[in-house]
Protein backbone atom coordinates (compact mmCIF):
# COMPACT_ATOMS: atom_id res chain seq x y z
CA UNK A 1 6.29 -4.35 31.39
CA UNK A 2 5.80 -3.65 27.72
CA UNK A 3 7.34 -6.32 25.64
CA UNK A 4 7.65 -6.81 21.87
CA UNK A 5 9.86 -7.03 18.73
CA UNK A 6 10.22 -4.73 16.03
CA UNK A 7 11.52 -6.24 12.59
CA UNK A 8 12.93 -3.95 10.03
CA UNK A 9 12.38 -4.52 6.26
CA UNK A 10 15.63 -5.69 4.57
CA UNK A 11 16.27 -2.56 2.45
CA UNK A 12 19.43 -1.23 1.63
CA UNK A 13 18.51 2.49 1.39
CA UNK A 14 15.77 4.97 0.94
CA UNK A 15 16.82 8.19 -1.05
CA UNK A 16 14.70 11.30 -1.23
CA UNK A 17 14.62 14.57 -2.91
CA UNK A 18 16.76 13.56 -5.87
CA UNK A 19 15.84 12.77 -9.50
CA UNK A 20 14.58 9.20 -9.74
CA UNK A 21 16.71 8.24 -12.82
CA UNK A 22 19.94 9.51 -11.57
CA UNK A 23 19.54 7.57 -8.23
CA UNK A 24 18.57 4.43 -10.27
CA UNK A 25 21.61 4.68 -12.46
CA UNK A 26 23.84 5.19 -9.38
CA UNK A 27 22.49 2.04 -7.60
CA UNK A 28 22.69 -0.12 -10.69
CA UNK A 29 26.34 0.68 -11.05
CA UNK A 30 27.04 -0.06 -7.34
CA UNK A 31 25.03 -3.37 -7.48
CA UNK A 32 26.75 -4.46 -10.77
CA UNK A 33 23.38 -4.50 -12.70
CA UNK A 34 23.20 -3.60 -16.24
CA UNK A 35 19.63 -5.03 -17.35
CA UNK A 36 16.84 -2.96 -15.88
CA UNK A 37 13.43 -3.80 -16.72
CA UNK A 38 10.86 -0.97 -15.73
CA UNK A 39 7.35 -2.38 -14.50
CA UNK A 40 4.40 0.00 -14.54
CA UNK A 41 0.88 0.49 -15.63
CA UNK A 42 -0.61 1.32 -19.12
CA UNK A 43 -1.58 4.56 -17.81
CA UNK A 44 1.92 5.61 -17.17
CA UNK A 45 3.55 3.73 -20.12
CA UNK A 46 3.50 6.43 -22.63
CA UNK A 47 4.37 9.32 -20.23
CA UNK A 48 6.36 9.12 -17.14
CA UNK A 49 7.66 5.39 -17.66
CA UNK A 50 8.82 6.23 -21.24
CA UNK A 51 10.64 9.29 -20.19
CA UNK A 52 12.26 7.43 -17.06
CA UNK A 53 13.31 4.58 -19.47
CA UNK A 54 14.93 7.16 -21.90
CA UNK A 55 16.83 8.74 -18.95
CA UNK A 56 18.12 5.11 -18.06
CA UNK A 57 19.52 4.77 -21.52
CA UNK A 58 21.20 1.59 -22.48
CA UNK A 59 20.63 0.31 -18.80
CA UNK A 60 17.00 -0.12 -19.69
CA UNK A 61 16.10 -3.46 -21.36
CA UNK A 62 12.34 -2.64 -21.57
CA UNK A 63 9.19 -1.45 -20.09
CA UNK A 64 6.52 -3.91 -18.87
CA UNK A 65 3.24 -2.07 -18.67
CA UNK A 66 0.98 -4.97 -17.96
CA UNK A 67 0.10 -4.53 -14.39
CA UNK A 68 -3.50 -3.78 -13.62
CA UNK A 69 -5.39 -2.41 -10.76
CA UNK A 70 -5.23 -4.52 -7.56
CA UNK A 71 -2.37 -6.59 -9.00
CA UNK A 72 -4.05 -9.38 -10.90
CA UNK A 73 -2.11 -12.58 -10.82
CA UNK A 74 -1.92 -12.75 -14.59
CA UNK A 75 0.10 -9.37 -14.84
CA UNK A 76 2.53 -11.01 -12.17
CA UNK A 77 3.09 -13.92 -14.34
CA UNK A 78 3.48 -11.97 -17.61
CA UNK A 79 5.90 -9.55 -15.83
CA UNK A 80 8.08 -12.52 -14.85
CA UNK A 81 7.97 -13.92 -18.13
CA UNK A 82 9.09 -10.50 -19.60
CA UNK A 83 11.89 -10.30 -16.95
CA UNK A 84 13.02 -13.66 -18.00
CA UNK A 85 12.92 -12.83 -21.89
CA UNK A 86 14.95 -9.64 -21.51
CA UNK A 87 17.42 -11.17 -19.05
CA UNK A 88 16.72 -8.52 -16.54
CA UNK A 89 18.95 -8.30 -13.55
CA UNK A 90 17.22 -5.51 -11.68
CA UNK A 91 13.30 -4.73 -11.68
CA UNK A 92 12.38 -1.03 -11.26
CA UNK A 93 8.80 -0.49 -10.38
CA UNK A 94 7.40 2.83 -11.33
CA UNK A 95 3.89 3.41 -10.09
CA UNK A 96 1.45 2.96 -7.14
CA UNK A 97 0.69 0.15 -4.82
CA UNK A 98 -0.70 -2.15 -7.51
CA UNK A 99 2.60 -1.90 -9.59
CA UNK A 100 4.87 -2.26 -6.51
CA UNK A 101 2.91 -5.12 -5.03
CA UNK A 102 2.87 -7.06 -8.41
CA UNK A 103 6.50 -6.38 -8.88
CA UNK A 104 7.14 -7.82 -5.43
CA UNK A 105 5.62 -11.17 -6.54
CA UNK A 106 7.25 -10.88 -9.79
CA UNK A 107 10.29 -11.23 -7.83
CA UNK A 108 8.98 -14.20 -6.18
CA UNK A 109 7.81 -15.79 -9.25
CA UNK A 110 11.47 -15.56 -10.73
CA UNK A 111 13.15 -16.98 -7.68
CA UNK A 112 10.80 -20.01 -7.45
CA UNK A 113 10.50 -20.35 -11.28
CA UNK A 114 6.64 -20.03 -11.25
CA UNK A 115 5.32 -19.64 -14.83
CA UNK A 116 1.60 -20.24 -14.17
CA UNK A 117 -0.99 -18.03 -12.42
CA UNK A 118 -2.64 -20.97 -10.87
CA UNK A 119 0.75 -22.21 -9.36
CA UNK A 120 0.94 -19.08 -7.35
CA UNK A 121 -1.57 -20.89 -4.92
CA UNK A 122 1.24 -22.72 -3.41
CA UNK A 123 3.31 -19.50 -2.54
CA UNK A 124 0.39 -17.49 -0.65
CA UNK A 125 1.04 -16.35 2.82
CA UNK A 126 -0.38 -18.77 5.46
CA UNK A 127 -0.30 -22.66 6.03
CA UNK A 128 -2.16 -25.72 4.63
CA UNK A 129 -1.59 -28.63 2.33
CA UNK A 130 0.60 -27.96 -0.64
CA UNK A 131 1.91 -24.67 0.76
CA UNK A 132 5.72 -23.77 0.12
CA UNK A 133 7.87 -22.38 2.88
CA UNK A 134 8.82 -19.35 0.95
CA UNK A 135 11.22 -18.06 3.41
CA UNK A 136 13.45 -20.76 2.44
CA UNK A 137 13.48 -19.86 -1.40
CA UNK A 138 16.89 -18.00 -2.19
CA UNK A 139 16.30 -14.61 -3.44
CA UNK A 140 17.56 -13.71 -6.99
CA UNK A 141 16.58 -10.70 -8.89
CA UNK A 142 15.59 -7.71 -6.81
CA UNK A 143 13.60 -4.62 -7.28
CA UNK A 144 13.85 -0.80 -6.77
CA UNK A 145 10.58 1.19 -6.15
CA UNK A 146 9.86 4.51 -7.25
CA UNK A 147 6.34 5.47 -6.01
CA UNK A 148 4.19 7.78 -7.78
CA UNK A 149 1.33 7.64 -5.08
CA UNK A 150 1.17 7.47 -1.38
CA UNK A 151 0.10 3.99 -0.90
CA UNK A 152 3.57 3.10 0.86
CA UNK A 153 3.71 -0.56 -0.51
CA UNK A 154 7.34 0.04 -1.19
CA UNK A 155 8.12 -0.09 2.57
CA UNK A 156 6.93 -3.68 3.46
CA UNK A 157 8.02 -7.35 2.65
CA UNK A 158 4.44 -8.32 1.90
CA UNK A 159 2.22 -7.84 -1.26
CA UNK A 160 -1.52 -8.23 -2.14
CA UNK A 161 -2.26 -9.83 -5.42
CA UNK A 162 -5.73 -10.49 -6.81
CA UNK A 163 -7.03 -13.93 -8.00
CA UNK A 164 -9.39 -12.54 -10.62
CA UNK A 165 -11.22 -15.92 -10.89
CA UNK A 166 -11.97 -15.88 -7.18
CA UNK A 167 -12.26 -12.15 -6.83
CA UNK A 168 -10.20 -12.21 -3.89
CA UNK A 169 -6.95 -10.37 -2.97
CA UNK A 170 -4.30 -12.68 -1.37
CA UNK A 171 -1.21 -11.98 0.48
CA UNK A 172 2.33 -12.96 -0.21
CA UNK A 173 5.41 -12.49 1.72
CA UNK A 174 9.13 -13.20 1.98
CA UNK A 175 11.77 -11.40 3.84
CA UNK A 176 13.39 -10.07 0.81
CA UNK A 177 10.18 -8.98 -1.10
CA UNK A 178 10.67 -5.45 0.21
CA UNK A 179 12.32 -3.43 -2.51
CA UNK A 180 16.16 -3.11 -2.18
CA UNK A 181 15.91 0.54 -2.49
CA UNK A 182 13.17 3.20 -2.47
CA UNK A 183 13.45 6.37 -4.37
CA UNK A 184 11.25 9.17 -3.21
CA UNK A 185 11.26 11.93 -6.01
CA UNK A 186 8.27 14.30 -5.67
CA UNK A 187 8.77 15.43 -9.28
CA UNK A 188 7.84 11.96 -10.45
CA UNK A 189 4.40 12.34 -8.75
CA UNK A 190 3.52 15.66 -10.67
CA UNK A 191 1.62 13.56 -13.35
CA UNK A 192 -0.42 11.54 -10.81
CA UNK A 193 -4.12 12.34 -11.18
CA UNK A 194 -5.30 14.56 -8.04
CA UNK A 195 -7.83 12.12 -6.90
CA UNK A 196 -5.32 9.26 -6.96
CA UNK A 197 -2.76 11.30 -5.02
CA UNK A 198 -5.26 12.45 -2.35
CA UNK A 199 -6.97 8.94 -2.06
CA UNK A 200 -3.70 7.08 -1.66
CA UNK A 201 -2.76 9.82 0.96
CA UNK A 202 -6.02 8.93 2.82
CA UNK A 203 -4.62 5.25 2.65
CA UNK A 204 -1.57 6.50 4.42
CA UNK A 205 -3.54 8.34 6.98
CA UNK A 206 -5.39 5.16 7.56
CA UNK A 207 -2.11 3.41 8.15
CA UNK A 208 -1.06 6.10 10.70
CA UNK A 209 -4.47 5.98 12.34
CA UNK A 210 -4.76 2.28 12.65
CA UNK A 211 -1.28 1.88 14.07
CA UNK A 212 -2.08 4.58 16.76
CA UNK A 213 -5.32 2.98 17.58
CA UNK A 214 -4.23 -0.51 17.60
CA UNK A 215 -4.83 -2.02 21.20
CA UNK A 216 -1.29 -3.08 21.45
CA UNK A 217 1.34 -0.38 22.02
CA UNK A 218 4.71 -0.22 20.23
CA UNK A 219 6.64 3.01 21.11
CA UNK A 220 8.62 3.29 17.83
CA UNK A 221 5.68 2.54 15.76
CA UNK A 222 3.50 4.98 17.75
CA UNK A 223 6.05 7.81 17.39
CA UNK A 224 6.53 7.37 13.63
CA UNK A 225 2.64 7.07 12.93
CA UNK A 226 1.94 10.14 15.01
CA UNK A 227 4.66 12.11 13.00
CA UNK A 228 3.39 10.72 9.68
CA UNK A 229 -0.15 11.63 10.48
CA UNK A 230 0.83 15.33 11.22
CA UNK A 231 3.00 15.52 7.95
CA UNK A 232 0.19 13.91 5.82
CA UNK A 233 -2.52 16.12 7.26
CA UNK A 234 -0.36 19.25 6.49
CA UNK A 235 1.07 18.19 3.06
CA UNK A 236 -2.15 16.95 1.54
CA UNK A 237 -3.98 20.18 2.24
CA UNK A 238 -0.81 22.03 0.98
CA UNK A 239 -0.79 20.04 -2.24
CA UNK A 240 -4.50 20.71 -2.74
CA UNK A 241 -3.91 24.38 -2.54
CA UNK A 242 -0.63 24.28 -4.72
CA UNK A 243 -0.47 21.01 -6.86
CA UNK A 244 3.03 21.89 -8.15
CA UNK A 245 4.49 22.48 -4.64
CA UNK A 246 7.27 19.84 -4.51
CA UNK A 247 8.18 20.40 -0.96
CA UNK A 248 4.70 19.81 0.05
CA UNK A 249 4.64 16.57 -2.00
CA UNK A 250 7.89 15.46 -0.35
CA UNK A 251 6.32 16.07 2.94
CA UNK A 252 3.46 13.74 1.96
CA UNK A 253 6.07 11.23 0.99
CA UNK A 254 7.82 11.43 4.29
CA UNK A 255 4.45 11.23 5.94
CA UNK A 256 3.39 7.90 4.32
CA UNK A 257 6.93 6.44 4.88
CA UNK A 258 6.71 7.24 8.60
CA UNK A 259 3.00 6.01 8.74
CA UNK A 260 3.69 2.58 7.53
CA UNK A 261 7.04 2.14 9.23
CA UNK A 262 5.39 0.87 12.29
CA UNK A 263 4.19 -2.44 10.81
CA UNK A 264 7.38 -3.93 11.66
CA UNK A 265 6.08 -4.21 15.28
CA UNK A 266 4.08 -7.05 13.98
CA UNK A 267 0.74 -5.77 15.35
CA UNK A 268 -0.71 -5.24 11.85
CA UNK A 269 -3.61 -3.03 10.77
CA UNK A 270 -7.13 -2.91 11.89
CA UNK A 271 -10.75 -3.31 10.63
CA UNK A 272 -10.56 -0.37 8.25
CA UNK A 273 -7.94 -2.18 6.31
CA UNK A 274 -9.81 -5.45 6.58
CA UNK A 275 -12.97 -3.98 5.18
CA UNK A 276 -10.77 -2.16 2.59
CA UNK A 277 -9.20 -5.39 1.31
CA UNK A 278 -12.69 -6.80 0.72
CA UNK A 279 -13.97 -3.77 -0.92
CA UNK A 280 -10.86 -3.53 -3.20
CA UNK A 281 -10.12 -7.14 -4.03
CA UNK A 282 -13.79 -8.23 -4.37
CA UNK A 283 -15.73 -5.14 -5.10
CA UNK A 284 -13.16 -3.09 -7.22
CA UNK A 285 -13.17 -0.03 -4.97
CA UNK A 286 -10.04 1.92 -5.87
CA UNK A 287 -7.08 1.96 -3.29
CA UNK A 288 -7.34 4.81 -0.92
CA UNK A 289 -11.11 5.44 -1.58
CA UNK A 290 -11.71 2.38 0.62
CA UNK A 291 -9.99 4.36 3.44
CA UNK A 292 -11.98 7.54 2.77
CA UNK A 293 -15.40 5.80 3.05
CA UNK A 294 -14.62 3.16 5.83
CA UNK A 295 -12.03 4.87 8.19
CA UNK A 296 -14.31 7.59 9.78
CA UNK A 297 -16.98 4.74 10.44
CA UNK A 298 -14.51 2.40 11.98
CA UNK A 299 -13.31 5.29 14.22
CA UNK A 300 -16.85 6.15 15.35
CA UNK A 301 -17.66 2.36 15.95
CA UNK A 302 -14.60 1.90 17.94
CA UNK A 303 -14.47 5.08 19.90
CA UNK A 304 -15.73 3.83 23.15
CA UNK A 305 -12.89 1.54 23.39
CA UNK A 306 -10.04 3.68 22.03
CA UNK A 307 -10.67 7.09 23.56
CA UNK A 308 -7.16 8.01 24.62
CA UNK A 309 -5.47 7.01 21.30
CA UNK A 310 -8.25 8.51 19.26
CA UNK A 311 -7.51 11.68 21.07
CA UNK A 312 -3.98 11.78 19.51
CA UNK A 313 -5.54 11.44 16.10
CA UNK A 314 -7.99 14.23 16.68
CA UNK A 315 -5.23 16.61 17.99
CA UNK A 316 -3.12 15.81 14.96
CA UNK A 317 -6.13 16.69 12.59
CA UNK A 318 -7.19 19.69 14.68
CA UNK A 319 -10.65 18.31 15.47
CA UNK A 320 -12.91 17.36 18.20
CA UNK A 321 -12.88 13.66 17.43
CA UNK A 322 -10.94 11.36 15.37
CA UNK A 323 -13.82 10.42 13.21
CA UNK A 324 -14.92 13.94 12.51
CA UNK A 325 -11.24 14.93 11.82
CA UNK A 326 -10.68 12.20 9.22
CA UNK A 327 -14.18 12.84 7.70
CA UNK A 328 -13.47 16.47 7.35
CA UNK A 329 -10.14 15.83 5.65
CA UNK A 330 -11.69 13.56 3.13
CA UNK A 331 -14.21 16.35 2.27
CA UNK A 332 -11.65 18.96 2.17
CA UNK A 333 -9.68 16.84 -0.28
CA UNK A 334 -12.72 16.40 -2.62
CA UNK A 335 -12.96 12.53 -2.29
CA UNK A 336 -15.95 10.35 -1.97
CA UNK A 337 -17.01 10.15 1.67
CA UNK A 338 -19.47 7.18 1.85
CA UNK A 339 -20.01 3.71 0.29
CA UNK A 340 -22.85 5.00 -1.93
CA UNK A 341 -20.47 7.39 -3.57
CA UNK A 342 -18.12 4.69 -4.15
CA UNK A 343 -20.65 2.59 -5.85
CA UNK A 344 -21.57 -0.10 -2.98
CA UNK A 345 -25.00 -0.61 -1.81
CA UNK A 346 -26.53 -2.11 1.17
CA UNK A 347 -27.54 -5.24 -0.66
CA UNK A 348 -23.73 -6.30 -0.53
CA UNK A 349 -23.17 -5.51 3.13
CA UNK A 350 -23.82 -8.89 4.53
CA UNK A 351 -21.55 -10.64 1.99
CA UNK A 352 -18.76 -7.89 2.57
CA UNK A 353 -18.95 -8.73 6.36
CA UNK A 354 -18.86 -12.29 6.13
CA UNK A 355 -15.89 -12.27 3.81
CA UNK A 356 -13.90 -9.81 5.90
CA UNK A 357 -14.25 -11.86 9.06
CA UNK A 358 -11.46 -13.96 7.35
CA UNK A 359 -9.12 -10.99 7.48
CA UNK A 360 -6.65 -10.64 10.41
CA UNK A 361 -7.35 -6.85 10.70
CA UNK A 362 -10.63 -7.87 12.33
CA UNK A 363 -8.91 -9.32 15.30
CA UNK A 364 -6.76 -6.22 15.87
CA UNK A 365 -9.94 -3.88 16.43
CA UNK A 366 -9.74 -1.86 19.79
CA UNK A 367 -13.33 -2.65 20.19
CA UNK A 368 -13.75 -6.40 19.67
CA UNK A 369 -15.70 -7.59 16.63
CA UNK A 370 -17.71 -10.66 17.52
CA UNK A 371 -19.08 -11.49 14.06
CA UNK A 372 -20.34 -10.14 10.78
CA UNK A 373 -23.22 -8.27 12.36
CA UNK A 374 -20.64 -5.79 13.79
CA UNK A 375 -19.12 -5.25 10.51
CA UNK A 376 -22.53 -4.59 8.89
CA UNK A 377 -23.03 -2.01 11.50
CA UNK A 378 -19.89 -0.26 10.55
CA UNK A 379 -20.92 -0.53 6.85
CA UNK A 380 -24.33 1.04 7.73
CA UNK A 381 -22.42 3.88 9.30
CA UNK A 382 -20.46 4.27 6.23
CA UNK A 383 -23.43 3.92 3.85
CA UNK A 384 -24.27 7.43 3.11
C-alpha cells in the first residue's frame, strides 16, 4: 500500500489574470499593511519596478534593487537593512527566482535580526554545531511574490542563497518563508527577455519531469506535474510564436505552478537539479540554462530504470523518448543545448561531479548514482 504525506506551503492565496498592482493594494489593505518595500534587480529597477512602485503610490516606501543573480548573501543582508531603514511592514518581490529567493531569506534575516552575511551560516538548512532551529523563530514581516519568470520559487518554503566567498549555493527553509500571496499577472512578464522566459520555462519543465520520474510515487504530485508539463510545452511554443499573447503566458504560469506543486510530497527533485545547483552556484550558469543542457542527458542516462514514467513525459512532449522530447523543445525555443554552449568544459567535470555528490538530488535518481564517476558520465553526455 502506498503511504506518504503531502505538506502544503503556508500561503493565503494565489491570484491570477489580474493587474499585479491592483491585487497588491487589495492585499495590503486587507492585512493592515501600509509600508511596502519592493525588492527587485537592477535590470528591472528603471522599468517594471519603477512603474509598479508608482502604481502603489503612497503605499510604497521604496524600491530595493540590490539582488544579484543566484541571490548572493550580501544582497539579502542589504535588503534586510533597507527594510529596517524604511520601516517596511510588507515586502513585495518583483522578479525571477533570484529576487524571490533572496526576499524569502530577507524575511528570515528580519525575523532573526541577522545583520551580517557571515552570520547567515547559523540559519542554513541542515544540522550541525552552531545551527539554529529556524522553525522556532517567530515570523514577522512577510512577503508577496510577483514573478516575472517561470522559475516557480514563489511556491515553496525554501530558498537558495549563494555564499560568494565559497562559490556555493546554500539552502534555507522555514515553514513561513513561502510568500503569503502570489500574483500571476502575465502582463508583468512582457518585459522579460525571451531567453530568460524560455530558459526558466525549461526549469519548470525540469520540475515536472523530475517529479514524474522520481522513484517514489505521490498521486497528487504526479497529477499536477503531468498537467504542468503539458501546459508548459504548449504555452512555451505558443509564446515563441506570439510573444505578446497574454493567454499563452498565463498558461505557462499555470504550468510552472502545477509543475512545482508536488514538492510538498517531500520526495524532492533529482540529479538534473542536483547538477544544476552546482552549475549555477559554483560555475555561474544561469537559472534555466542548467536544465536545458543537463535534463536531456539525465533522462537518457536514467532511462533504463525509469521507462514507464519517462513514457508519460514522452507522450506529453509528443516524442518517441523523454530525452529526445526535452532536447527538441530546447532547440525549438532557441536555447543552449549542451555544456559547451553554456561555457562549461570537460576540465571541470570531475570537480562538478564531486561537489554535486553532496546534493540530496543525487539520492533520488531513478537509476542509482554510485559515485562521481556516474555524474561525469552524465556530464559527458551533455558535453556537446
